[in-house]
Structure formats: structure tokens, C-alpha cells
Amino acid sequence: MEHHYYFITEILAALGFEHFAHDWQHVTHSWFIMILMIVGAVFLAGGIQMLPKKGQNFLEITIETLENFMVDITGPEGRAFFPFIATIFLYIFLCNLIGLVPGFFSPTANINTTLSMALCTFVLTHAIGIKFHGVKYIKHFLGPVWALAPLMLIIEGIGHLARVMSLTVRLFGNIFGKEKILGVLFGLWGLYLVPLPILFLGILVSFIQAVVFMLLAIVYFAGAMEEAH
């Protein structure tokens, strides 16, 4: 079977992991992104100063902007869940972006990757609801009219499960499409002659999809924290 050439896959294949490397490219590239994030976090944490330089200023402004954006939607209580939101945004953005580099694959172009993040968001959403409301969280699924509670429970249950499918398919479809378009252009014009506007569009799509996933997760968290109506 013909395979695309990816650096990580070829390195693992040379080390004797050929079957795993070719069948689980989204996993190996996800690990690569996680290693980059961990190493970057350790490096940046070690360089924190009381009088920040340009790089630290940029990161502080970025994190503060993301945190304020979330707090505006969820209220101050949402700060407790900001580490998840910031991590998921950076992870998705880097996963989306790495596919623009020749020889690398976007893990988010595989539906298993996007499904895993959607399931994490789904589970955390309801964990937040239970944390804030306890057993009374069930009221979110029963509606205001008790006579219609059984029907509303089914409808709300389907609606919440549809969130998983929505988060999964939206991110996967956009990044998969981006990968295929760039793959065709690379094949037609070579690695170094792909029109720059297409690459800029790929960066824009990568950023927008990370923001959309983050925003929907924040909205779901905020909904779980609200009182049932």
C-alpha cells in the first residue's frame, strides 16, 4: 500500500515500528505536539522574570486575553476550568498548524483525534454541572413543565450527544479538507511552489477552528453552571 511521506512515520518505521507508524499517524503526531507543548512550557516557565521581556509579554497578553474572554462568558467561577480551555485551544491550533509543514500530518485531520477531544469536553461539561448543582443538575434535562419531563429528557439527551458529533465532525471536516487541498497542490507544484495565499488560508482555517472549538466548549461549560430554567 502506498503511504504519504511523513518524517515521524519514517523515523519510527526505521526503528522497527513500521506497522504502528503507518496505521497510527494521528497518534504519533499527537504525541509530537504534546512533547512540543510540554518542552515549551518547561522552557518558558524556567525563563519567567519579574521584569518580562518581549516573549514573556506576548505570552502573558495572550493568556490574559483568553482568560478574560472566558470569564466574560462564564463569570469568575469559570477561571477554575481555564487550564483546560487554554490547553485545548493551543493543542488544537498546533495540531491544525503542523499539517502546513511539508512532511508532517495534522492529527485533527483524523476523526479519532477530534472525537477524543469532543468526549473530554462532553464529560467535563457534565462534571461541572454536577459540581455546581449536585443532583439538581438533572433539572437541566427535564424542562420547566413536569408533565413533559420524560419527553424533554430524551430530547435534551439527544441534544447533548449531538454536541459530541458536532464538535467532532466540524473540526475533522475542515482540517481534513485543508489537508487534502494542500496535498493536491503539493503534488501539482512541488513542496516549495504552493501559492502563498493557500498557505495563509490554511493558517486562518487552523486558527478559526481552534477558536470555534474553544468557544463552544466555553458555552457548554457556562450552560452547565447556570441554574436550570
Protein backbone atom coordinates (compact mmCIF):
# COMPACT_ATOMS: atom_id res chain seq x y z
CA MET A 1 0.00 0.00 0.00
CA GLU A 2 1.29 3.46 -0.88
CA HIS A 3 1.87 5.81 2.03
CA HIS A 4 2.48 9.54 2.24
CA TYR A 5 5.94 10.52 3.37
CA TYR A 6 5.90 11.86 6.91
CA PHE A 7 9.12 12.41 8.85
CA ILE A 8 7.89 10.98 12.15
CA THR A 9 6.41 7.94 10.43
CA GLU A 10 9.63 7.22 8.55
CA ILE A 11 11.74 7.61 11.70
CA LEU A 12 9.55 5.19 13.63
CA ALA A 13 9.50 2.78 10.70
CA ALA A 14 13.31 2.81 10.62
CA LEU A 15 13.27 1.93 14.33
CA GLY A 16 11.14 -1.14 13.66
CA PHE A 17 7.66 0.28 14.31
CA GLU A 18 6.57 0.37 10.67
CA HIS A 19 3.07 -1.09 11.13
CA PHE A 20 2.26 1.16 14.10
CA ALA A 21 3.81 4.23 12.44
CA HIS A 22 1.76 3.90 9.24
CA ASP A 23 -1.54 2.92 10.88
CA TRP A 24 -1.46 5.39 13.77
CA GLN A 25 -0.06 8.58 12.28
CA HIS A 26 -2.57 10.72 14.14
CA VAL A 27 -1.35 9.22 17.44
CA THR A 28 2.36 9.71 16.74
CA HIS A 29 1.84 13.28 15.57
CA SER A 30 -0.38 13.96 18.60
CA TRP A 31 2.46 12.73 20.83
CA PHE A 32 4.83 15.00 18.95
CA ILE A 33 2.58 18.02 19.59
CA MET A 34 2.25 17.09 23.26
CA ILE A 35 6.03 16.82 23.60
CA LEU A 36 6.43 20.24 21.97
CA MET A 37 3.90 21.75 24.37
CA ILE A 38 5.50 20.16 27.45
CA VAL A 39 9.03 21.15 26.45
CA GLY A 40 7.83 24.65 25.54
CA ALA A 41 6.02 25.02 28.88
CA VAL A 42 9.10 23.89 30.84
CA PHE A 43 11.35 26.20 28.84
CA LEU A 44 9.05 29.19 29.21
CA ALA A 45 8.38 28.55 32.91
CA GLY A 46 12.11 28.49 33.58
CA GLY A 47 12.55 31.84 31.86
CA ILE A 48 9.87 33.80 33.75
CA GLN A 49 11.17 37.11 35.11
CA MET A 50 9.73 39.86 37.28
CA LEU A 51 10.56 42.31 34.50
CA PRO A 52 9.22 40.46 31.46
CA LYS A 53 10.86 40.65 28.06
CA LYS A 54 9.08 40.71 24.70
CA GLY A 55 8.41 36.97 24.53
CA GLN A 56 7.03 36.80 28.05
CA ASN A 57 4.94 39.91 27.46
CA PHE A 58 3.39 38.35 24.36
CA LEU A 59 2.54 35.11 26.19
CA GLU A 60 1.10 36.93 29.18
CA ILE A 61 -1.09 39.09 26.96
CA THR A 62 -2.25 36.00 25.02
CA ILE A 63 -3.13 34.02 28.15
CA GLU A 64 -4.79 37.02 29.80
CA THR A 65 -6.87 37.68 26.67
CA LEU A 66 -8.06 34.06 26.56
CA GLU A 67 -8.85 34.09 30.28
CA ASN A 68 -10.79 37.36 30.11
CA PHE A 69 -12.68 36.06 27.07
CA MET A 70 -13.76 33.01 29.05
CA VAL A 71 -14.62 34.94 32.22
CA ASP A 72 -16.81 37.33 30.22
CA ILE A 73 -18.95 34.34 29.24
CA THR A 74 -18.83 32.11 32.32
CA GLY A 75 -18.26 34.64 35.10
CA PRO A 76 -15.44 34.45 37.67
CA GLU A 77 -16.35 30.84 38.50
CA GLY A 78 -15.08 29.81 35.07
CA ARG A 79 -11.47 30.56 35.99
CA ALA A 80 -11.20 27.10 37.56
CA PHE A 81 -11.65 25.49 34.15
CA PHE A 82 -9.43 27.89 32.21
CA PRO A 83 -6.42 25.49 32.16
CA PHE A 84 -8.48 23.01 30.14
CA ILE A 85 -9.72 25.70 27.76
CA ALA A 86 -6.25 27.18 27.20
CA THR A 87 -4.71 23.73 26.71
CA ILE A 88 -7.38 22.56 24.27
CA PHE A 89 -7.05 25.77 22.24
CA LEU A 90 -3.26 25.60 21.98
CA TYR A 91 -3.30 21.86 21.29
CA ILE A 92 -5.88 22.12 18.51
CA PHE A 93 -4.19 25.14 16.96
CA LEU A 94 -0.79 23.42 16.87
CA CYS A 95 -2.33 20.17 15.57
CA ASN A 96 -4.05 22.12 12.81
CA LEU A 97 -0.97 24.15 12.00
CA ILE A 98 1.60 21.37 11.77
CA GLY A 99 -0.09 19.96 8.67
CA LEU A 100 1.04 23.06 6.77
CA VAL A 101 4.65 21.95 7.19
CA PRO A 102 5.73 19.52 4.44
CA GLY A 103 6.45 16.09 5.91
CA PHE A 104 4.03 16.43 8.82
CA PHE A 105 0.40 15.42 9.36
CA SER A 106 -2.38 17.25 11.22
CA PRO A 107 -3.70 14.89 13.94
CA THR A 108 -7.02 16.75 13.79
CA ALA A 109 -7.44 15.53 10.21
CA ASN A 110 -8.27 12.14 11.77
CA ILE A 111 -11.73 11.78 13.29
CA ASN A 112 -10.41 9.76 16.25
CA THR A 113 -8.42 12.77 17.47
CA THR A 114 -11.33 15.18 17.24
CA LEU A 115 -13.68 12.64 18.83
CA SER A 116 -11.37 12.22 21.81
CA MET A 117 -11.36 15.99 22.46
CA ALA A 118 -15.14 16.20 21.99
CA LEU A 119 -15.64 13.40 24.53
CA CYS A 120 -13.33 15.11 27.03
CA THR A 121 -15.33 18.32 26.63
CA PHE A 122 -18.61 16.41 26.97
CA VAL A 123 -17.54 14.63 30.17
CA LEU A 124 -16.11 17.80 31.74
CA THR A 125 -19.26 19.76 30.90
CA HIS A 126 -21.43 17.40 32.93
CA ALA A 127 -18.81 17.10 35.68
CA ILE A 128 -19.04 20.89 36.01
CA GLY A 129 -22.83 20.71 36.10
CA ILE A 130 -22.75 18.11 38.89
CA LYS A 131 -20.09 20.08 40.77
CA PHE A 132 -22.20 23.26 40.75
CA HIS A 133 -25.67 21.78 41.22
CA GLY A 134 -25.28 18.26 42.58
CA VAL A 135 -28.31 16.05 41.99
CA LYS A 136 -30.34 19.10 40.95
CA TYR A 137 -28.32 19.17 37.70
CA ILE A 138 -30.89 16.74 36.32
CA LYS A 139 -33.28 19.71 36.09
CA HIS A 140 -31.30 20.90 33.05
CA PHE A 141 -32.69 17.89 31.19
CA LEU A 142 -36.29 17.94 32.40
CA GLY A 143 -37.58 21.31 31.25
CA PRO A 144 -39.92 23.70 33.08
CA VAL A 145 -43.10 21.60 32.62
CA TRP A 146 -43.01 18.45 34.75
CA ALA A 147 -45.68 16.72 32.66
CA LEU A 148 -43.29 16.85 29.69
CA ALA A 149 -40.20 15.88 31.69
CA PRO A 150 -39.81 12.34 30.20
CA LEU A 151 -40.03 13.72 26.66
CA MET A 152 -37.67 16.59 27.46
CA LEU A 153 -35.17 14.16 29.00
CA ILE A 154 -34.99 12.26 25.72
CA ILE A 155 -34.75 15.43 23.62
CA GLU A 156 -32.09 17.01 25.85
CA GLY A 157 -30.15 13.76 25.93
CA ILE A 158 -30.09 13.60 22.15
CA GLY A 159 -29.13 17.28 22.00
CA HIS A 160 -26.16 16.80 24.33
CA LEU A 161 -24.96 13.73 22.44
CA ALA A 162 -25.27 15.74 19.23
CA ARG A 163 -22.77 18.21 20.70
CA VAL A 164 -20.14 15.46 20.58
CA MET A 165 -20.88 14.77 16.93
CA SER A 166 -20.91 18.48 16.12
CA LEU A 167 -17.54 19.18 17.77
CA THR A 168 -16.04 16.06 16.19
CA VAL A 169 -17.22 16.43 12.62
CA ARG A 170 -16.80 20.22 12.32
CA LEU A 171 -13.14 20.19 13.30
CA PHE A 172 -12.33 16.99 11.45
CA GLY A 173 -14.07 18.04 8.23
CA ASN A 174 -12.39 21.43 7.99
CA ILE A 175 -8.88 20.20 8.75
CA PHE A 176 -9.25 17.07 6.60
CA GLY A 177 -10.36 19.27 3.71
CA LYS A 178 -7.40 21.61 4.29
CA GLU A 179 -5.00 18.64 4.26
CA LYS A 180 -6.43 17.24 1.02
CA ILE A 181 -6.33 20.59 -0.79
CA LEU A 182 -2.74 21.24 0.25
CA GLY A 183 -1.81 17.66 -0.66
CA VAL A 184 -3.14 18.17 -4.19
CA LEU A 185 -1.31 21.48 -4.54
CA PHE A 186 1.94 19.99 -3.24
CA GLY A 187 1.58 17.19 -5.78
CA LEU A 188 0.93 19.58 -8.65
CA TRP A 189 3.53 22.26 -7.91
CA GLY A 190 6.03 20.69 -5.55
CA LEU A 191 6.90 21.40 -1.94
CA TYR A 192 8.15 24.94 -2.44
CA LEU A 193 5.82 26.31 -5.10
CA VAL A 194 2.46 26.13 -3.39
CA PRO A 195 0.78 29.52 -3.73
CA LEU A 196 1.29 31.56 -0.57
CA PRO A 197 -2.39 32.63 -0.40
CA ILE A 198 -3.35 28.98 0.08
CA LEU A 199 -0.88 28.64 2.95
CA PHE A 200 -2.20 31.82 4.56
CA LEU A 201 -5.71 30.44 4.18
CA GLY A 202 -4.57 27.25 5.87
CA ILE A 203 -3.23 29.25 8.82
CA LEU A 204 -6.51 31.17 9.04
CA VAL A 205 -8.57 27.97 8.97
CA SER A 206 -6.32 26.42 11.63
CA PHE A 207 -6.82 29.39 13.94
CA ILE A 208 -10.56 29.76 13.35
CA GLN A 209 -11.27 26.09 14.00
CA ALA A 210 -9.31 26.21 17.27
CA VAL A 211 -11.27 29.30 18.33
CA VAL A 212 -14.62 27.73 17.38
CA PHE A 213 -13.93 24.57 19.38
CA MET A 214 -12.77 26.63 22.36
CA LEU A 215 -15.79 28.95 22.17
CA LEU A 216 -18.28 26.08 22.01
CA ALA A 217 -16.59 24.39 24.97
CA ILE A 218 -16.85 27.63 26.97
CA VAL A 219 -20.54 28.00 26.06
CA TYR A 220 -21.23 24.41 27.15
CA PHE A 221 -19.42 24.99 30.45
CA ALA A 222 -21.36 28.20 31.03
CA GLY A 223 -24.64 26.41 30.34
CA ALA A 224 -23.76 23.70 32.84
CA MET A 225 -23.01 26.31 35.52
CA GLU A 226 -26.29 28.17 35.05
CA GLU A 227 -29.38 27.43 37.05
CA ALA A 228 -31.98 25.33 35.25
CA HIS A 229 -34.90 27.31 33.83
